[in-house]
C-alpha atoms as a PDB file:
ATOM      1  CA  MET A   1      12.288  47.701 -51.194  1.00  0.00           C
ATOM      2  CA  LYS A   2      13.063  44.642 -49.065  1.00  0.00           C
ATOM      3  CA  ALA A   3      15.824  44.980 -46.473  1.00  0.00           C
ATOM      4  CA  VAL A   4      17.210  43.038 -43.522  1.00  0.00           C
ATOM      5  CA  ARG A   5      16.409  44.709 -40.190  1.00  0.00           C
ATOM      6  CA  PHE A   6      16.666  43.936 -36.496  1.00  0.00           C
ATOM      7  CA  HIS A   7      14.820  45.872 -33.785  1.00  0.00           C
ATOM      8  CA  GLU A   8      16.783  44.707 -30.752  1.00  0.00           C
ATOM      9  CA  TYR A   9      20.055  42.993 -29.947  1.00  0.00           C
ATOM     10  CA  GLY A  10      19.895  39.225 -29.955  1.00  0.00           C
ATOM     11  CA  GLY A  11      20.412  35.964 -31.785  1.00  0.00           C
ATOM     12  CA  ILE A  12      19.566  35.015 -35.332  1.00  0.00           C
ATOM     13  CA  ASP A  13      15.840  35.112 -34.572  1.00  0.00           C
ATOM     14  CA  VAL A  14      15.837  38.940 -34.335  1.00  0.00           C
ATOM     15  CA  LEU A  15      16.660  39.234 -38.046  1.00  0.00           C
ATOM     16  CA  ARG A  16      13.725  40.151 -40.278  1.00  0.00           C
ATOM     17  CA  VAL A  17      13.269  40.927 -43.971  1.00  0.00           C
ATOM     18  CA  GLU A  18      10.983  43.966 -44.055  1.00  0.00           C
ATOM     19  CA  GLU A  19       9.606  46.535 -46.429  1.00  0.00           C
ATOM     20  CA  ALA A  20      11.654  49.744 -46.231  1.00  0.00           C
ATOM     21  CA  ALA A  21      11.764  53.058 -48.056  1.00  0.00           C
ATOM     22  CA  ARG A  22      14.042  53.078 -51.094  1.00  0.00           C
ATOM     23  CA  PRO A  23      16.874  55.522 -50.250  1.00  0.00           C
ATOM     24  CA  SER A  24      18.004  58.438 -52.416  1.00  0.00           C
ATOM     25  CA  PRO A  25      21.645  59.316 -53.077  1.00  0.00           C
ATOM     26  CA  GLY A  26      23.089  62.620 -51.888  1.00  0.00           C
ATOM     27  CA  PRO A  27      26.130  64.519 -53.146  1.00  0.00           C
ATOM     28  CA  GLY A  28      28.968  62.162 -54.065  1.00  0.00           C
ATOM     29  CA  GLN A  29      26.719  59.112 -53.697  1.00  0.00           C
ATOM     30  CA  VAL A  30      25.086  56.557 -55.976  1.00  0.00           C
ATOM     31  CA  LEU A  31      22.107  54.254 -55.525  1.00  0.00           C
ATOM     32  CA  VAL A  32      23.025  50.647 -56.295  1.00  0.00           C
ATOM     33  CA  GLU A  33      20.594  47.861 -57.069  1.00  0.00           C
ATOM     34  CA  VAL A  34      22.241  45.027 -55.151  1.00  0.00           C
ATOM     35  CA  ARG A  35      23.027  41.794 -56.998  1.00  0.00           C
ATOM     36  CA  ALA A  36      25.137  40.183 -54.237  1.00  0.00           C
ATOM     37  CA  ALA A  37      26.207  41.028 -50.684  1.00  0.00           C
ATOM     38  CA  GLY A  38      28.569  39.038 -48.480  1.00  0.00           C
ATOM     39  CA  ILE A  39      27.986  38.421 -44.778  1.00  0.00           C
ATOM     40  CA  GLN A  40      30.643  38.865 -42.065  1.00  0.00           C
ATOM     41  CA  PRO A  41      31.410  37.509 -38.568  1.00  0.00           C
ATOM     42  CA  GLY A  42      31.593  41.118 -37.348  1.00  0.00           C
ATOM     43  CA  GLU A  43      27.924  41.578 -38.222  1.00  0.00           C
ATOM     44  CA  VAL A  44      27.080  38.807 -35.763  1.00  0.00           C
ATOM     45  CA  MET A  45      28.843  40.633 -32.932  1.00  0.00           C
ATOM     46  CA  ILE A  46      27.126  43.927 -33.785  1.00  0.00           C
ATOM     47  CA  ARG A  47      23.697  42.252 -33.913  1.00  0.00           C
ATOM     48  CA  GLU A  48      24.294  40.519 -30.583  1.00  0.00           C
ATOM     49  CA  GLY A  49      25.373  43.807 -28.959  1.00  0.00           C
ATOM     50  CA  ALA A  50      28.911  42.577 -28.292  1.00  0.00           C
ATOM     51  CA  ARG A  51      30.320  45.718 -29.946  1.00  0.00           C
ATOM     52  CA  HIS A  52      27.826  48.191 -28.510  1.00  0.00           C
ATOM     53  CA  ASP A  53      30.535  50.299 -26.839  1.00  0.00           C
ATOM     54  CA  ARG A  54      32.349  50.797 -30.146  1.00  0.00           C
ATOM     55  CA  TRP A  55      29.600  50.468 -32.771  1.00  0.00           C
ATOM     56  CA  PRO A  56      26.178  50.943 -31.116  1.00  0.00           C
ATOM     57  CA  ALA A  57      23.120  50.135 -33.179  1.00  0.00           C
ATOM     58  CA  THR A  58      20.209  52.522 -33.713  1.00  0.00           C
ATOM     59  CA  PHE A  59      16.977  50.540 -33.969  1.00  0.00           C
ATOM     60  CA  PRO A  60      15.611  49.459 -36.284  1.00  0.00           C
ATOM     61  CA  SER A  61      19.079  48.657 -37.597  1.00  0.00           C
ATOM     62  CA  GLY A  62      20.016  47.555 -41.078  1.00  0.00           C
ATOM     63  CA  GLN A  63      22.862  45.199 -41.776  1.00  0.00           C
ATOM     64  CA  GLY A  64      25.567  44.541 -44.347  1.00  0.00           C
ATOM     65  CA  SER A  65      28.728  46.142 -45.684  1.00  0.00           C
ATOM     66  CA  ASP A  66      29.960  44.263 -48.792  1.00  0.00           C
ATOM     67  CA  LEU A  67      28.021  44.725 -52.014  1.00  0.00           C
ATOM     68  CA  ALA A  68      27.996  44.421 -55.771  1.00  0.00           C
ATOM     69  CA  GLY A  69      25.351  45.666 -58.138  1.00  0.00           C
ATOM     70  CA  VAL A  70      24.255  48.151 -60.780  1.00  0.00           C
ATOM     71  CA  VAL A  71      24.105  51.932 -60.386  1.00  0.00           C
ATOM     72  CA  VAL A  72      20.489  53.036 -60.904  1.00  0.00           C
ATOM     73  CA  GLU A  73      20.740  56.637 -59.721  1.00  0.00           C
ATOM     74  CA  ALA A  74      23.595  59.098 -59.215  1.00  0.00           C
ATOM     75  CA  GLY A  75      23.549  62.090 -56.888  1.00  0.00           C
ATOM     76  CA  PRO A  76      25.188  65.435 -57.651  1.00  0.00           C
ATOM     77  CA  GLN A  77      28.983  65.699 -57.761  1.00  0.00           C
ATOM     78  CA  VAL A  78      29.504  61.978 -58.380  1.00  0.00           C
ATOM     79  CA  ARG A  79      32.810  61.308 -60.090  1.00  0.00           C
ATOM     80  CA  GLY A  80      33.665  58.349 -62.295  1.00  0.00           C
ATOM     81  CA  PHE A  81      30.327  56.524 -62.185  1.00  0.00           C
ATOM     82  CA  ALA A  82      27.055  56.720 -64.105  1.00  0.00           C
ATOM     83  CA  VAL A  83      23.680  55.002 -64.228  1.00  0.00           C
ATOM     84  CA  GLY A  84      24.095  51.499 -65.640  1.00  0.00           C
ATOM     85  CA  ASP A  85      27.638  50.942 -64.326  1.00  0.00           C
ATOM     86  CA  GLU A  86      28.326  47.588 -62.675  1.00  0.00           C
ATOM     87  CA  VAL A  87      30.211  48.109 -59.406  1.00  0.00           C
ATOM     88  CA  LEU A  88      31.434  46.470 -56.223  1.00  0.00           C
ATOM     89  CA  GLY A  89      32.360  48.032 -52.929  1.00  0.00           C
ATOM     90  CA  PHE A  90      31.403  48.783 -49.369  1.00  0.00           C
ATOM     91  CA  THR A  91      29.057  50.839 -47.241  1.00  0.00           C
ATOM     92  CA  HIS A  92      29.656  52.049 -43.687  1.00  0.00           C
ATOM     93  CA  SER A  93      25.893  52.439 -43.118  1.00  0.00           C
ATOM     94  CA  ARG A  94      24.982  48.792 -42.322  1.00  0.00           C
ATOM     95  CA  ALA A  95      22.676  48.682 -45.292  1.00  0.00           C
ATOM     96  CA  SER A  96      23.855  46.346 -48.078  1.00  0.00           C
ATOM     97  CA  HIS A  97      21.618  43.406 -47.112  1.00  0.00           C
ATOM     98  CA  ALA A  98      18.814  44.963 -49.110  1.00  0.00           C
ATOM     99  CA  GLU A  99      17.534  45.356 -52.654  1.00  0.00           C
ATOM    100  CA  PHE A 100      18.971  48.886 -52.938  1.00  0.00           C
ATOM    101  CA  VAL A 101      21.732  50.715 -51.067  1.00  0.00           C
ATOM    102  CA  VAL A 102      23.266  54.191 -51.175  1.00  0.00           C
ATOM    103  CA  VAL A 103      27.063  54.134 -51.451  1.00  0.00           C
ATOM    104  CA  ASP A 104      29.725  56.865 -51.468  1.00  0.00           C
ATOM    105  CA  ASP A 105      31.469  56.994 -54.831  1.00  0.00           C
ATOM    106  CA  VAL A 106      34.888  56.693 -53.125  1.00  0.00           C
ATOM    107  CA  ASN A 107      33.912  53.246 -51.770  1.00  0.00           C
ATOM    108  CA  ILE A 108      33.175  51.516 -55.079  1.00  0.00           C
ATOM    109  CA  VAL A 109      35.056  50.371 -58.178  1.00  0.00           C
ATOM    110  CA  HIS A 110      33.869  49.116 -61.541  1.00  0.00           C
ATOM    111  CA  ARG A 111      33.258  45.380 -61.778  1.00  0.00           C
ATOM    112  CA  PRO A 112      35.803  43.968 -64.237  1.00  0.00           C
ATOM    113  CA  ASP A 113      34.784  41.486 -66.916  1.00  0.00           C
ATOM    114  CA  GLY A 114      35.232  37.943 -65.662  1.00  0.00           C
ATOM    115  CA  LEU A 115      34.397  38.614 -62.021  1.00  0.00           C
ATOM    116  CA  SER A 116      31.149  36.930 -60.959  1.00  0.00           C
ATOM    117  CA  TRP A 117      28.510  38.842 -59.026  1.00  0.00           C
ATOM    118  CA  GLU A 118      28.947  36.497 -56.064  1.00  0.00           C
ATOM    119  CA  ALA A 119      32.711  36.991 -55.888  1.00  0.00           C
ATOM    120  CA  ALA A 120      32.331  40.742 -56.390  1.00  0.00           C
ATOM    121  CA  GLY A 121      29.772  41.016 -53.600  1.00  0.00           C
ATOM    122  CA  ALA A 122      31.964  39.074 -51.182  1.00  0.00           C
ATOM    123  CA  LEU A 123      35.345  40.637 -51.896  1.00  0.00           C
ATOM    124  CA  TYR A 124      35.657  43.929 -50.014  1.00  0.00           C
ATOM    125  CA  VAL A 125      35.915  43.037 -46.325  1.00  0.00           C
ATOM    126  CA  ALA A 126      37.564  39.622 -46.713  1.00  0.00           C
ATOM    127  CA  GLY A 127      39.845  40.774 -49.511  1.00  0.00           C
ATOM    128  CA  THR A 128      41.095  43.991 -47.972  1.00  0.00           C
ATOM    129  CA  THR A 129      41.500  42.257 -44.606  1.00  0.00           C
ATOM    130  CA  ALA A 130      43.566  39.484 -46.199  1.00  0.00           C
ATOM    131  CA  TYR A 131      45.625  42.107 -48.016  1.00  0.00           C
ATOM    132  CA  ALA A 132      46.305  43.881 -44.708  1.00  0.00           C
ATOM    133  CA  THR A 133      47.357  40.688 -42.922  1.00  0.00           C
ATOM    134  CA  VAL A 134      49.871  39.831 -45.614  1.00  0.00           C
ATOM    135  CA  PHE A 135      51.191  43.395 -45.685  1.00  0.00           C
ATOM    136  CA  ALA A 136      51.624  43.252 -41.899  1.00  0.00           C
ATOM    137  CA  VAL A 137      53.953  40.239 -41.912  1.00  0.00           C
ATOM    138  CA  ASP A 138      55.696  41.268 -45.176  1.00  0.00           C
ATOM    139  CA  PRO A 139      56.604  37.863 -46.650  1.00  0.00           C
ATOM    140  CA  VAL A 140      59.469  37.618 -49.127  1.00  0.00           C
ATOM    141  CA  PRO A 141      60.726  34.751 -51.295  1.00  0.00           C
ATOM    142  CA  GLY A 142      62.256  32.094 -49.070  1.00  0.00           C
ATOM    143  CA  ASP A 143      60.012  32.845 -46.091  1.00  0.00           C
ATOM    144  CA  THR A 144      57.688  30.262 -44.597  1.00  0.00           C
ATOM    145  CA  VAL A 145      54.330  31.700 -43.509  1.00  0.00           C
ATOM    146  CA  VAL A 146      51.660  29.868 -41.495  1.00  0.00           C
ATOM    147  CA  VAL A 147      48.004  30.895 -41.898  1.00  0.00           C
ATOM    148  CA  SER A 148      45.347  29.723 -39.433  1.00  0.00           C
ATOM    149  CA  GLY A 149      41.789  29.380 -40.716  1.00  0.00           C
ATOM    150  CA  ALA A 150      43.346  28.938 -44.148  1.00  0.00           C
ATOM    151  CA  ALA A 151      40.118  27.857 -45.867  1.00  0.00           C
ATOM    152  CA  GLY A 152      37.905  30.582 -44.400  1.00  0.00           C
ATOM    153  CA  GLY A 153      36.744  33.798 -46.026  1.00  0.00           C
ATOM    154  CA  VAL A 154      39.876  35.777 -45.126  1.00  0.00           C
ATOM    155  CA  GLY A 155      42.326  32.891 -44.826  1.00  0.00           C
ATOM    156  CA  SER A 156      41.604  31.496 -48.294  1.00  0.00           C
ATOM    157  CA  LEU A 157      42.578  34.853 -49.802  1.00  0.00           C
ATOM    158  CA  ALA A 158      45.533  35.463 -47.457  1.00  0.00           C
ATOM    159  CA  VAL A 159      47.216  32.185 -48.424  1.00  0.00           C
ATOM    160  CA  GLN A 160      47.003  33.119 -52.105  1.00  0.00           C
ATOM    161  CA  LEU A 161      48.308  36.649 -51.577  1.00  0.00           C
ATOM    162  CA  ALA A 162      51.219  35.347 -49.486  1.00  0.00           C
ATOM    163  CA  ARG A 163      52.033  32.839 -52.227  1.00  0.00           C
ATOM    164  CA  ARG A 164      52.076  35.691 -54.741  1.00  0.00           C
ATOM    165  CA  ARG A 165      54.808  37.292 -52.614  1.00  0.00           C
ATOM    166  CA  GLY A 166      56.955  34.210 -53.181  1.00  0.00           C
ATOM    167  CA  ALA A 167      56.606  32.668 -49.721  1.00  0.00           C
ATOM    168  CA  THR A 168      56.091  29.036 -48.823  1.00  0.00           C
ATOM    169  CA  VAL A 169      52.671  28.964 -47.160  1.00  0.00           C
ATOM    170  CA  ILE A 170      51.439  26.419 -44.622  1.00  0.00           C
ATOM    171  CA  GLY A 171      47.658  26.487 -44.275  1.00  0.00           C
ATOM    172  CA  LEU A 172      45.893  25.188 -41.157  1.00  0.00           C
ATOM    173  CA  ALA A 173      42.541  23.715 -42.120  1.00  0.00           C
ATOM    174  CA  SER A 174      40.355  20.622 -41.800  1.00  0.00           C
ATOM    175  CA  GLU A 175      41.285  17.719 -44.031  1.00  0.00           C
ATOM    176  CA  ARG A 176      38.268  18.233 -46.309  1.00  0.00           C
ATOM    177  CA  ASN A 177      39.888  21.505 -47.459  1.00  0.00           C
ATOM    178  CA  HIS A 178      43.407  20.157 -47.984  1.00  0.00           C
ATOM    179  CA  ALA A 179      42.891  19.372 -51.674  1.00  0.00           C
ATOM    180  CA  TRP A 180      41.836  22.981 -52.371  1.00  0.00           C
ATOM    181  CA  LEU A 181      44.901  24.302 -50.526  1.00  0.00           C
ATOM    182  CA  LYS A 182      47.226  22.016 -52.496  1.00  0.00           C
ATOM    183  CA  GLU A 183      45.644  23.200 -55.754  1.00  0.00           C
ATOM    184  CA  HIS A 184      46.631  26.742 -54.765  1.00  0.00           C
ATOM    185  CA  GLY A 185      50.222  25.922 -53.883  1.00  0.00           C
ATOM    186  CA  VAL A 186      49.680  25.799 -50.121  1.00  0.00           C
ATOM    187  CA  VAL A 187      51.060  23.105 -47.794  1.00  0.00           C
ATOM    188  CA  PRO A 188      48.014  21.859 -45.833  1.00  0.00           C
ATOM    189  CA  VAL A 189      48.295  20.955 -42.156  1.00  0.00           C
ATOM    190  CA  ALA A 190      45.413  19.734 -39.985  1.00  0.00           C
ATOM    191  CA  TYR A 191      44.609  21.900 -36.964  1.00  0.00           C
ATOM    192  CA  GLY A 192      43.951  20.505 -33.490  1.00  0.00           C
ATOM    193  CA  GLU A 193      46.002  18.599 -30.957  1.00  0.00           C
ATOM    194  CA  GLY A 194      49.610  18.185 -32.046  1.00  0.00           C
ATOM    195  CA  VAL A 195      49.465  21.019 -34.585  1.00  0.00           C
ATOM    196  CA  ALA A 196      52.742  22.554 -33.376  1.00  0.00           C
ATOM    197  CA  GLU A 197      54.681  19.397 -34.191  1.00  0.00           C
ATOM    198  CA  ARG A 198      52.941  19.030 -37.549  1.00  0.00           C
ATOM    199  CA  ILE A 199      53.886  22.603 -38.436  1.00  0.00           C
ATOM    200  CA  ARG A 200      57.517  21.977 -37.458  1.00  0.00           C
ATOM    201  CA  GLU A 201      57.581  18.908 -39.698  1.00  0.00           C
ATOM    202  CA  ALA A 202      56.101  20.848 -42.615  1.00  0.00           C
ATOM    203  CA  ALA A 203      58.359  23.896 -42.071  1.00  0.00           C
ATOM    204  CA  ASP A 204      61.727  22.249 -42.420  1.00  0.00           C
ATOM    205  CA  GLY A 205      63.638  25.498 -41.974  1.00  0.00           C
ATOM    206  CA  GLY A 206      61.379  27.018 -39.325  1.00  0.00           C
ATOM    207  CA  VAL A 207      58.512  29.510 -39.473  1.00  0.00           C
ATOM    208  CA  ASP A 208      59.232  33.139 -40.385  1.00  0.00           C
ATOM    209  CA  ALA A 209      55.743  34.678 -40.125  1.00  0.00           C
ATOM    210  CA  PHE A 210      52.270  33.777 -38.851  1.00  0.00           C
ATOM    211  CA  ILE A 211      48.877  35.105 -39.959  1.00  0.00           C
ATOM    212  CA  ASP A 212      46.054  34.293 -37.528  1.00  0.00           C
ATOM    213  CA  THR A 213      42.529  34.634 -38.903  1.00  0.00           C
ATOM    214  CA  PHE A 214      40.900  32.397 -36.287  1.00  0.00           C
ATOM    215  CA  GLY A 215      42.012  33.313 -32.756  1.00  0.00           C
ATOM    216  CA  ASP A 216      41.851  30.605 -30.097  1.00  0.00           C
ATOM    217  CA  GLY A 217      45.500  30.483 -29.065  1.00  0.00           C
ATOM    218  CA  TYR A 218      47.272  30.820 -32.404  1.00  0.00           C
ATOM    219  CA  VAL A 219      49.221  33.935 -31.403  1.00  0.00           C
ATOM    220  CA  ASP A 220      50.760  32.040 -28.500  1.00  0.00           C
ATOM    221  CA  LEU A 221      51.437  29.139 -30.857  1.00  0.00           C
ATOM    222  CA  ALA A 222      53.302  31.461 -33.211  1.00  0.00           C
ATOM    223  CA  VAL A 223      55.486  32.631 -30.324  1.00  0.00           C
ATOM    224  CA  GLU A 224      56.082  28.991 -29.347  1.00  0.00           C
ATOM    225  CA  LEU A 225      57.238  28.316 -32.923  1.00  0.00           C
ATOM    226  CA  GLY A 226      59.836  31.072 -32.610  1.00  0.00           C
ATOM    227  CA  VAL A 227      58.185  33.704 -34.796  1.00  0.00           C
ATOM    228  CA  ARG A 228      59.193  37.264 -33.912  1.00  0.00           C
ATOM    229  CA  PRO A 229      56.202  39.273 -32.584  1.00  0.00           C
ATOM    230  CA  GLU A 230      56.478  41.899 -35.326  1.00  0.00           C
ATOM    231  CA  ARG A 231      55.899  39.140 -37.896  1.00  0.00           C
ATOM    232  CA  ILE A 232      52.778  37.791 -36.199  1.00  0.00           C
ATOM    233  CA  ASN A 233      49.443  39.293 -37.199  1.00  0.00           C
ATOM    234  CA  THR A 234      45.999  38.435 -35.850  1.00  0.00           C
ATOM    235  CA  ILE A 235      42.540  39.686 -36.799  1.00  0.00           C
ATOM    236  CA  ARG A 236      40.867  38.022 -33.798  1.00  0.00           C
ATOM    237  CA  ASP A 237      43.058  37.794 -30.684  1.00  0.00           C
ATOM    238  CA  TRP A 238      43.802  41.436 -29.888  1.00  0.00           C
ATOM    239  CA  ARG A 239      44.356  40.816 -26.168  1.00  0.00           C
ATOM    240  CA  THR A 240      47.162  38.291 -26.700  1.00  0.00           C
ATOM    241  CA  ALA A 241      48.621  40.422 -29.474  1.00  0.00           C
ATOM    242  CA  SER A 242      48.882  43.332 -27.036  1.00  0.00           C
ATOM    243  CA  ARG A 243      50.554  41.087 -24.476  1.00  0.00           C
ATOM    244  CA  VAL A 244      53.222  39.689 -26.811  1.00  0.00           C
ATOM    245  CA  GLY A 245      53.653  42.677 -29.128  1.00  0.00           C
ATOM    246  CA  ALA A 246      52.084  41.128 -32.249  1.00  0.00           C
ATOM    247  CA  ARG A 247      50.353  43.133 -34.948  1.00  0.00           C
ATOM    248  CA  THR A 248      46.606  43.497 -35.442  1.00  0.00           C
ATOM    249  CA  TYR A 249      46.239  44.729 -39.015  1.00  0.00           C
ATOM    250  CA  GLY A 250      42.814  43.729 -40.257  1.00  0.00           C
ATOM    251  CA  GLU A 251      39.482  45.119 -41.356  1.00  0.00           C
ATOM    252  CA  GLY A 252      39.977  48.810 -42.029  1.00  0.00           C
ATOM    253  CA  SER A 253      43.770  48.725 -42.344  1.00  0.00           C
ATOM    254  CA  ALA A 254      43.627  48.398 -46.136  1.00  0.00           C
ATOM    255  CA  ALA A 255      39.947  49.125 -46.718  1.00  0.00           C
ATOM    256  CA  CYS A 256      40.047  51.427 -49.727  1.00  0.00           C
ATOM    257  CA  ALA A 257      38.960  51.397 -53.340  1.00  0.00           C
ATOM    258  CA  VAL A 258      42.557  51.228 -54.621  1.00  0.00           C
ATOM    259  CA  VAL A 259      43.199  47.899 -52.884  1.00  0.00           C
ATOM    260  CA  LEU A 260      39.742  46.601 -53.822  1.00  0.00           C
ATOM    261  CA  GLY A 261      40.347  47.438 -57.476  1.00  0.00           C
ATOM    262  CA  GLU A 262      43.655  45.562 -57.438  1.00  0.00           C
ATOM    263  CA  LEU A 263      42.034  42.494 -55.861  1.00  0.00           C
ATOM    264  CA  ALA A 264      39.095  42.613 -58.286  1.00  0.00           C
ATOM    265  CA  ARG A 265      41.441  42.652 -61.280  1.00  0.00           C
ATOM    266  CA  LEU A 266      43.431  39.712 -59.899  1.00  0.00           C
ATOM    267  CA  ALA A 267      40.216  37.747 -59.363  1.00  0.00           C
ATOM    268  CA  ALA A 268      38.839  38.618 -62.800  1.00  0.00           C
ATOM    269  CA  ARG A 269      42.055  37.350 -64.428  1.00  0.00           C
ATOM    270  CA  GLY A 270      41.928  34.110 -62.468  1.00  0.00           C
ATOM    271  CA  ASP A 271      45.016  35.017 -60.423  1.00  0.00           C
ATOM    272  CA  LEU A 272      43.010  35.120 -57.176  1.00  0.00           C
ATOM    273  CA  THR A 273      40.244  32.632 -56.379  1.00  0.00           C
ATOM    274  CA  VAL A 274      37.352  33.898 -54.248  1.00  0.00           C
ATOM    275  CA  PRO A 275      35.738  30.735 -52.829  1.00  0.00           C
ATOM    276  CA  ILE A 276      31.966  30.979 -52.399  1.00  0.00           C
ATOM    277  CA  ALA A 277      30.626  28.526 -49.828  1.00  0.00           C
ATOM    278  CA  ARG A 278      26.934  29.221 -50.390  1.00  0.00           C
ATOM    279  CA  VAL A 279      24.535  31.723 -51.958  1.00  0.00           C
ATOM    280  CA  HIS A 280      21.233  32.374 -50.160  1.00  0.00           C
ATOM    281  CA  PRO A 281      18.290  34.537 -51.269  1.00  0.00           C
ATOM    282  CA  LEU A 282      17.764  37.568 -49.042  1.00  0.00           C
ATOM    283  CA  GLU A 283      14.724  35.931 -47.444  1.00  0.00           C
ATOM    284  CA  GLN A 284      17.004  33.181 -46.088  1.00  0.00           C
ATOM    285  CA  VAL A 285      19.238  35.587 -44.153  1.00  0.00           C
ATOM    286  CA  ARG A 286      18.677  33.656 -40.923  1.00  0.00           C
ATOM    287  CA  GLU A 287      19.841  30.392 -42.496  1.00  0.00           C
ATOM    288  CA  ALA A 288      22.863  32.175 -43.988  1.00  0.00           C
ATOM    289  CA  PHE A 289      23.936  33.342 -40.537  1.00  0.00           C
ATOM    290  CA  ARG A 290      23.258  29.924 -38.988  1.00  0.00           C
ATOM    291  CA  GLU A 291      25.739  28.495 -41.452  1.00  0.00           C
ATOM    292  CA  LEU A 292      28.248  31.264 -40.757  1.00  0.00           C
ATOM    293  CA  GLU A 293      27.988  30.834 -36.988  1.00  0.00           C
ATOM    294  CA  ARG A 294      28.506  27.071 -37.221  1.00  0.00           C
ATOM    295  CA  GLY A 295      32.009  27.896 -38.470  1.00  0.00           C
ATOM    296  CA  HIS A 296      34.414  25.890 -40.651  1.00  0.00           C
ATOM    297  CA  THR A 297      32.979  27.380 -43.833  1.00  0.00           C
ATOM    298  CA  HIS A 298      35.189  27.221 -46.914  1.00  0.00           C
ATOM    299  CA  GLY A 299      35.031  30.702 -48.375  1.00  0.00           C
ATOM    300  CA  LYS A 300      32.279  33.300 -48.270  1.00  0.00           C
ATOM    301  CA  ILE A 301      28.526  33.125 -47.749  1.00  0.00           C
ATOM    302  CA  VAL A 302      26.595  35.514 -49.989  1.00  0.00           C
ATOM    303  CA  LEU A 303      23.053  36.934 -50.045  1.00  0.00           C
ATOM    304  CA  ARG A 304      21.244  37.565 -53.339  1.00  0.00           C
ATOM    305  CA  PRO A 305      18.291  40.016 -53.143  1.00  0.00           C
END
């Protein structure tokens, strides 16, 4: 099979698409033929070696966590899945950027009718992270919630989930994404110099909670706006969060098949939009990550083997 590999830490140029042995599922595992696999900012940091102390790579290293595809082989003791089933989910083995991947049966759910392959393959990390951020700040009807990076992979889902809780949501994003935010019931505000005053103008009664998906000073901004630390959550700025007492619920905090199944059903019904910025063939993995690392992407970037 073809699979993305890197043989040393480094920039985008270390990524290769190579021939690799097709894996075989063990007990409680299935082999999935991948139809779509999202890419993540965290994969950049792992590939560059920035997370070596926590998640060291063994070379040659594979890459990829999100996935959607078709079960082509089932190992012994698999429960709830059979050959031919269409699924979406997650692997902890850095292996989904490939034509085939082995996945534990507890990390997948069936793909519901109406959910595209691209959305299914991009949903796990961004979706469960967004779910965790909203859970962390616990919005209720009448609350005003600010979301930074509101048009990004996580932010675009977080604003929708916060709206479903009945909150007024202010989304910080570039002006080219304001129309999309308005379509989803979000009050758009441009980021950059003067953003604090623009937020105050938009939040007539003050800000009750703040979800930071971007970093770069937004936790301090939330404190400046008078948000209580326990209602501030960041998935990027852990150092400032520790200093002010904010929360850091993010990837992993809600990463389970139960949450994924709920999100997949919402998306399939049209109650949750999963924006797809671009779909690249596997061979264009370097270009996909160039686009990701340029930032300001609206939604998810997806690989198609």
